[in-house]
């Protein structure tokens, strides 16, 4: 069930229906918290990228930070790379270029 909400969230994001995407990502988050804590990293990453695309950089950073922490705690190398690359975009867009360079370089080293 959680995968269906994640897929609907991705579809909503790709078709420009960001409100529906956010709702579906958040719905999948409820399933994930109850069943699979480690899969929350996908939810937070998708929400972070959704907010990044909407230029809501504070919410993007908040969700990507959560994803990064879970990925680090579970040693999920794939999502460590993805979240660092996305966080680099947030840092760059908010004028934190040295920090952006550091995390993007780190993320590329993992991918």
N, C-alpha and C. Protein backbone atom coordinates (compact mmCIF):
# COMPACT_ATOMS: atom_id res chain seq x y z
N UNK A 1 0.83 -1.19 0.00
CA UNK A 1 0.00 0.00 0.00
C UNK A 1 0.87 1.26 0.00
N UNK A 2 1.92 1.26 0.82
CA UNK A 2 2.77 2.45 0.90
C UNK A 2 3.40 2.76 -0.45
N UNK A 3 3.78 1.71 -1.21
CA UNK A 3 4.40 1.93 -2.52
C UNK A 3 3.42 2.61 -3.47
N UNK A 4 2.15 2.29 -3.34
CA UNK A 4 1.15 2.93 -4.21
C UNK A 4 1.08 4.43 -3.94
N UNK A 5 1.10 4.81 -2.67
CA UNK A 5 1.08 6.24 -2.34
C UNK A 5 2.37 6.92 -2.81
N UNK A 6 3.49 6.24 -2.65
CA UNK A 6 4.75 6.80 -3.15
C UNK A 6 4.68 7.01 -4.65
N UNK A 7 4.19 6.00 -5.38
CA UNK A 7 4.08 6.10 -6.83
C UNK A 7 3.13 7.22 -7.24
N UNK A 8 2.00 7.35 -6.54
CA UNK A 8 1.08 8.45 -6.83
C UNK A 8 1.73 9.80 -6.55
N UNK A 9 2.54 9.86 -5.52
CA UNK A 9 3.25 11.09 -5.22
C UNK A 9 4.23 11.47 -6.32
N UNK A 10 4.99 10.50 -6.79
CA UNK A 10 5.94 10.75 -7.88
C UNK A 10 5.18 11.17 -9.14
N UNK A 11 4.09 10.48 -9.44
CA UNK A 11 3.28 10.82 -10.61
C UNK A 11 2.72 12.24 -10.50
N UNK A 12 2.21 12.59 -9.32
CA UNK A 12 1.69 13.94 -9.13
C UNK A 12 2.77 14.99 -9.32
N UNK A 13 3.98 14.70 -8.84
CA UNK A 13 5.09 15.63 -9.00
C UNK A 13 5.46 15.79 -10.47
N UNK A 14 5.51 14.67 -11.18
CA UNK A 14 5.90 14.70 -12.61
C UNK A 14 4.86 15.40 -13.48
N UNK A 15 3.59 15.35 -13.07
CA UNK A 15 2.54 15.98 -13.87
C UNK A 15 2.22 17.40 -13.41
N UNK A 16 2.95 17.88 -12.41
CA UNK A 16 2.75 19.25 -11.96
C UNK A 16 1.69 19.43 -10.90
N UNK A 17 1.08 18.35 -10.45
CA UNK A 17 0.05 18.44 -9.41
C UNK A 17 0.74 18.26 -8.06
N UNK A 18 1.45 19.29 -7.64
CA UNK A 18 2.30 19.18 -6.45
C UNK A 18 1.49 19.04 -5.16
N UNK A 19 0.30 19.59 -5.11
CA UNK A 19 -0.51 19.42 -3.90
C UNK A 19 -0.92 17.96 -3.72
N UNK A 20 -1.33 17.33 -4.80
CA UNK A 20 -1.69 15.92 -4.75
C UNK A 20 -0.45 15.07 -4.45
N UNK A 21 0.68 15.44 -5.02
CA UNK A 21 1.93 14.71 -4.77
C UNK A 21 2.28 14.77 -3.29
N UNK A 22 2.23 15.96 -2.71
CA UNK A 22 2.55 16.12 -1.29
C UNK A 22 1.61 15.29 -0.43
N UNK A 23 0.32 15.33 -0.74
CA UNK A 23 -0.66 14.56 0.02
C UNK A 23 -0.34 13.07 -0.02
N UNK A 24 -0.01 12.56 -1.20
CA UNK A 24 0.30 11.13 -1.34
C UNK A 24 1.61 10.76 -0.66
N UNK A 25 2.62 11.63 -0.75
CA UNK A 25 3.87 11.35 -0.04
C UNK A 25 3.62 11.30 1.46
N UNK A 26 2.82 12.24 1.96
CA UNK A 26 2.54 12.26 3.39
C UNK A 26 1.70 11.06 3.81
N UNK A 27 0.80 10.62 2.95
CA UNK A 27 0.01 9.42 3.24
C UNK A 27 0.92 8.19 3.33
N UNK A 28 1.88 8.10 2.43
CA UNK A 28 2.80 6.96 2.47
C UNK A 28 3.68 7.02 3.71
N UNK A 29 3.93 8.22 4.18
CA UNK A 29 4.73 8.40 5.40
C UNK A 29 4.05 7.72 6.59
N UNK A 30 2.72 7.82 6.68
CA UNK A 30 1.99 7.18 7.77
C UNK A 30 2.16 5.67 7.75
N UNK A 31 2.09 5.08 6.57
CA UNK A 31 2.29 3.63 6.44
C UNK A 31 3.72 3.26 6.81
N UNK A 32 4.66 4.07 6.34
CA UNK A 32 6.06 3.77 6.59
C UNK A 32 6.39 3.82 8.08
N UNK A 33 5.86 4.79 8.79
CA UNK A 33 6.17 4.91 10.21
C UNK A 33 5.67 3.69 10.97
N UNK A 34 4.53 3.17 10.55
CA UNK A 34 3.97 2.02 11.23
C UNK A 34 4.71 0.74 10.87
N UNK A 35 5.19 0.60 9.66
CA UNK A 35 5.68 -0.68 9.18
C UNK A 35 7.17 -0.75 8.88
N UNK A 36 7.74 0.24 8.26
CA UNK A 36 9.11 0.14 7.76
C UNK A 36 9.86 1.46 7.95
N UNK A 37 10.42 1.63 9.12
CA UNK A 37 11.09 2.90 9.42
C UNK A 37 12.18 3.24 8.40
N UNK A 38 12.89 2.24 7.92
CA UNK A 38 13.97 2.54 6.98
C UNK A 38 13.47 3.02 5.63
N UNK A 39 12.23 2.67 5.24
CA UNK A 39 11.74 3.15 3.95
C UNK A 39 11.26 4.60 4.02
N UNK A 40 11.26 5.17 5.21
CA UNK A 40 10.92 6.59 5.33
C UNK A 40 11.89 7.47 4.55
N UNK A 41 13.09 6.99 4.38
CA UNK A 41 14.08 7.78 3.65
C UNK A 41 13.57 8.13 2.25
N UNK A 42 12.86 7.21 1.61
CA UNK A 42 12.31 7.48 0.27
C UNK A 42 11.24 8.56 0.34
N UNK A 43 10.40 8.49 1.36
CA UNK A 43 9.33 9.49 1.51
C UNK A 43 9.93 10.87 1.73
N UNK A 44 10.86 10.98 2.68
CA UNK A 44 11.44 12.29 2.96
C UNK A 44 12.24 12.83 1.78
N UNK A 45 12.91 11.94 1.06
CA UNK A 45 13.66 12.38 -0.12
C UNK A 45 12.71 12.92 -1.18
N UNK A 46 11.62 12.18 -1.43
CA UNK A 46 10.65 12.64 -2.43
C UNK A 46 9.99 13.95 -2.01
N UNK A 47 9.62 14.07 -0.74
CA UNK A 47 9.05 15.33 -0.27
C UNK A 47 10.06 16.47 -0.40
N UNK A 48 11.30 16.19 -0.02
CA UNK A 48 12.34 17.21 -0.13
C UNK A 48 12.50 17.69 -1.55
N UNK A 49 12.56 16.77 -2.49
CA UNK A 49 12.71 17.15 -3.90
C UNK A 49 11.47 17.84 -4.44
N UNK A 50 10.31 17.45 -3.96
CA UNK A 50 9.08 18.14 -4.34
C UNK A 50 9.14 19.61 -3.91
N UNK A 51 9.50 19.84 -2.65
CA UNK A 51 9.59 21.21 -2.17
C UNK A 51 10.73 21.97 -2.85
N UNK A 52 11.81 21.28 -3.18
CA UNK A 52 12.91 21.91 -3.91
C UNK A 52 12.41 22.40 -5.27
N UNK A 53 11.64 21.57 -5.96
CA UNK A 53 11.09 21.97 -7.26
C UNK A 53 10.09 23.12 -7.14
N UNK A 54 9.43 23.22 -5.99
CA UNK A 54 8.46 24.32 -5.76
C UNK A 54 9.14 25.57 -5.20
N UNK A 55 10.46 25.52 -5.03
CA UNK A 55 11.24 26.63 -4.50
C UNK A 55 10.95 26.90 -3.02
N UNK A 56 10.39 25.93 -2.32
CA UNK A 56 10.19 26.05 -0.87
C UNK A 56 11.41 25.42 -0.20
N UNK A 57 12.47 26.19 -0.15
CA UNK A 57 13.77 25.66 0.25
C UNK A 57 13.84 25.27 1.72
N UNK A 58 13.10 25.95 2.57
CA UNK A 58 13.11 25.59 3.99
C UNK A 58 12.50 24.20 4.20
N UNK A 59 11.35 23.94 3.57
CA UNK A 59 10.72 22.63 3.70
C UNK A 59 11.53 21.56 2.98
N UNK A 60 12.16 21.93 1.87
CA UNK A 60 13.02 20.97 1.16
C UNK A 60 14.16 20.54 2.07
N UNK A 61 14.81 21.50 2.68
CA UNK A 61 15.93 21.18 3.56
C UNK A 61 15.49 20.35 4.76
N UNK A 62 14.36 20.71 5.34
CA UNK A 62 13.84 19.97 6.50
C UNK A 62 13.62 18.49 6.17
N UNK A 63 12.98 18.22 5.04
CA UNK A 63 12.70 16.83 4.66
C UNK A 63 13.97 16.10 4.21
N UNK A 64 14.83 16.78 3.49
CA UNK A 64 16.07 16.14 3.04
C UNK A 64 17.00 15.85 4.22
N UNK A 65 16.99 16.72 5.23
CA UNK A 65 17.77 16.45 6.45
C UNK A 65 17.28 15.17 7.13
N UNK A 66 15.96 15.02 7.20
CA UNK A 66 15.39 13.81 7.81
C UNK A 66 15.79 12.57 7.00
N UNK A 67 15.71 12.68 5.70
CA UNK A 67 16.09 11.55 4.84
C UNK A 67 17.56 11.21 5.03
N UNK A 68 18.39 12.23 5.09
CA UNK A 68 19.83 12.01 5.25
C UNK A 68 20.13 11.30 6.57
N UNK A 69 19.48 11.74 7.63
CA UNK A 69 19.73 11.12 8.94
C UNK A 69 19.33 9.65 8.96
N UNK A 70 18.18 9.34 8.37
CA UNK A 70 17.74 7.94 8.31
C UNK A 70 18.69 7.12 7.44
N UNK A 71 19.08 7.68 6.29
CA UNK A 71 20.00 6.97 5.40
C UNK A 71 21.32 6.70 6.11
N UNK A 72 21.78 7.67 6.87
CA UNK A 72 23.05 7.50 7.60
C UNK A 72 22.90 6.44 8.69
N UNK A 73 21.79 6.50 9.43
CA UNK A 73 21.57 5.54 10.52
C UNK A 73 21.43 4.12 10.01
N UNK A 74 20.86 3.96 8.81
CA UNK A 74 20.65 2.62 8.25
C UNK A 74 21.75 2.23 7.26
N UNK A 75 22.72 3.11 7.09
CA UNK A 75 23.84 2.89 6.17
C UNK A 75 23.36 2.61 4.75
N UNK A 76 22.36 3.36 4.32
CA UNK A 76 21.81 3.22 2.97
C UNK A 76 22.60 4.14 2.04
N UNK A 77 23.61 3.57 1.38
CA UNK A 77 24.53 4.35 0.56
C UNK A 77 23.84 5.06 -0.60
N UNK A 78 22.87 4.39 -1.20
CA UNK A 78 22.16 4.99 -2.33
C UNK A 78 21.47 6.29 -1.92
N UNK A 79 20.73 6.23 -0.81
CA UNK A 79 20.01 7.43 -0.38
C UNK A 79 20.93 8.45 0.28
N UNK A 80 22.05 8.00 0.84
CA UNK A 80 23.03 8.98 1.33
C UNK A 80 23.50 9.84 0.17
N UNK A 81 23.79 9.21 -0.96
CA UNK A 81 24.24 9.96 -2.14
C UNK A 81 23.13 10.88 -2.65
N UNK A 82 21.93 10.33 -2.80
CA UNK A 82 20.80 11.11 -3.35
C UNK A 82 20.49 12.32 -2.46
N UNK A 83 20.42 12.09 -1.14
CA UNK A 83 20.07 13.21 -0.27
C UNK A 83 21.16 14.26 -0.22
N UNK A 84 22.42 13.83 -0.29
CA UNK A 84 23.49 14.83 -0.29
C UNK A 84 23.46 15.67 -1.56
N UNK A 85 23.21 15.04 -2.68
CA UNK A 85 23.13 15.81 -3.93
C UNK A 85 21.97 16.80 -3.90
N UNK A 86 20.83 16.37 -3.38
CA UNK A 86 19.68 17.28 -3.28
C UNK A 86 19.92 18.38 -2.26
N UNK A 87 20.53 18.02 -1.12
CA UNK A 87 20.85 19.05 -0.13
C UNK A 87 21.84 20.06 -0.71
N UNK A 88 22.74 19.59 -1.55
CA UNK A 88 23.67 20.51 -2.21
C UNK A 88 22.94 21.55 -3.03
N UNK A 89 21.87 21.14 -3.70
CA UNK A 89 21.07 22.10 -4.47
C UNK A 89 20.41 23.13 -3.56
N UNK A 90 19.91 22.66 -2.42
CA UNK A 90 19.30 23.59 -1.45
C UNK A 90 20.34 24.58 -0.95
N UNK A 91 21.49 24.06 -0.55
CA UNK A 91 22.55 24.93 -0.02
C UNK A 91 23.00 25.95 -1.07
N UNK A 92 23.14 25.50 -2.32
CA UNK A 92 23.56 26.41 -3.38
C UNK A 92 22.54 27.51 -3.59
N UNK A 93 21.26 27.13 -3.63
CA UNK A 93 20.19 28.12 -3.87
C UNK A 93 20.00 29.07 -2.71
N UNK A 94 20.49 28.69 -1.52
CA UNK A 94 20.36 29.58 -0.37
C UNK A 94 21.69 30.30 -0.07
N UNK A 95 22.62 30.24 -1.01
CA UNK A 95 23.86 31.01 -0.90
C UNK A 95 24.94 30.35 -0.06
N UNK A 96 24.77 29.11 0.31
CA UNK A 96 25.78 28.41 1.11
C UNK A 96 26.65 27.55 0.19
N UNK A 97 27.38 28.23 -0.67
CA UNK A 97 28.12 27.55 -1.73
C UNK A 97 29.22 26.62 -1.22
N UNK A 98 30.02 27.00 -0.20
CA UNK A 98 31.03 26.04 0.28
C UNK A 98 30.40 24.75 0.83
N UNK A 99 29.29 24.90 1.54
CA UNK A 99 28.59 23.73 2.07
C UNK A 99 28.00 22.91 0.92
N UNK A 100 27.48 23.59 -0.09
CA UNK A 100 26.92 22.89 -1.26
C UNK A 100 28.01 22.07 -1.95
N UNK A 101 29.14 22.67 -2.15
CA UNK A 101 30.26 21.98 -2.80
C UNK A 101 30.66 20.73 -2.01
N UNK A 102 30.75 20.87 -0.69
CA UNK A 102 31.17 19.76 0.17
C UNK A 102 30.20 18.58 0.07
N UNK A 103 28.89 18.84 0.21
CA UNK A 103 27.95 17.72 0.21
C UNK A 103 27.75 17.12 -1.17
N UNK A 104 27.82 17.94 -2.22
CA UNK A 104 27.70 17.41 -3.57
C UNK A 104 28.91 16.52 -3.88
N UNK A 105 30.09 16.98 -3.51
CA UNK A 105 31.28 16.17 -3.73
C UNK A 105 31.19 14.85 -2.96
N UNK A 106 30.70 14.90 -1.74
CA UNK A 106 30.53 13.70 -0.94
C UNK A 106 29.50 12.76 -1.58
N UNK A 107 28.39 13.31 -2.02
CA UNK A 107 27.35 12.51 -2.66
C UNK A 107 27.83 11.85 -3.94
N UNK A 108 28.61 12.59 -4.73
CA UNK A 108 29.15 12.01 -5.95
C UNK A 108 30.12 10.88 -5.66
N UNK A 109 30.83 11.00 -4.54
CA UNK A 109 31.75 9.95 -4.16
C UNK A 109 31.06 8.65 -3.77
N UNK A 110 29.80 8.75 -3.36
CA UNK A 110 29.02 7.57 -2.98
C UNK A 110 28.28 6.95 -4.16
N UNK A 111 28.03 7.75 -5.20
CA UNK A 111 27.20 7.25 -6.31
C UNK A 111 28.00 6.44 -7.30
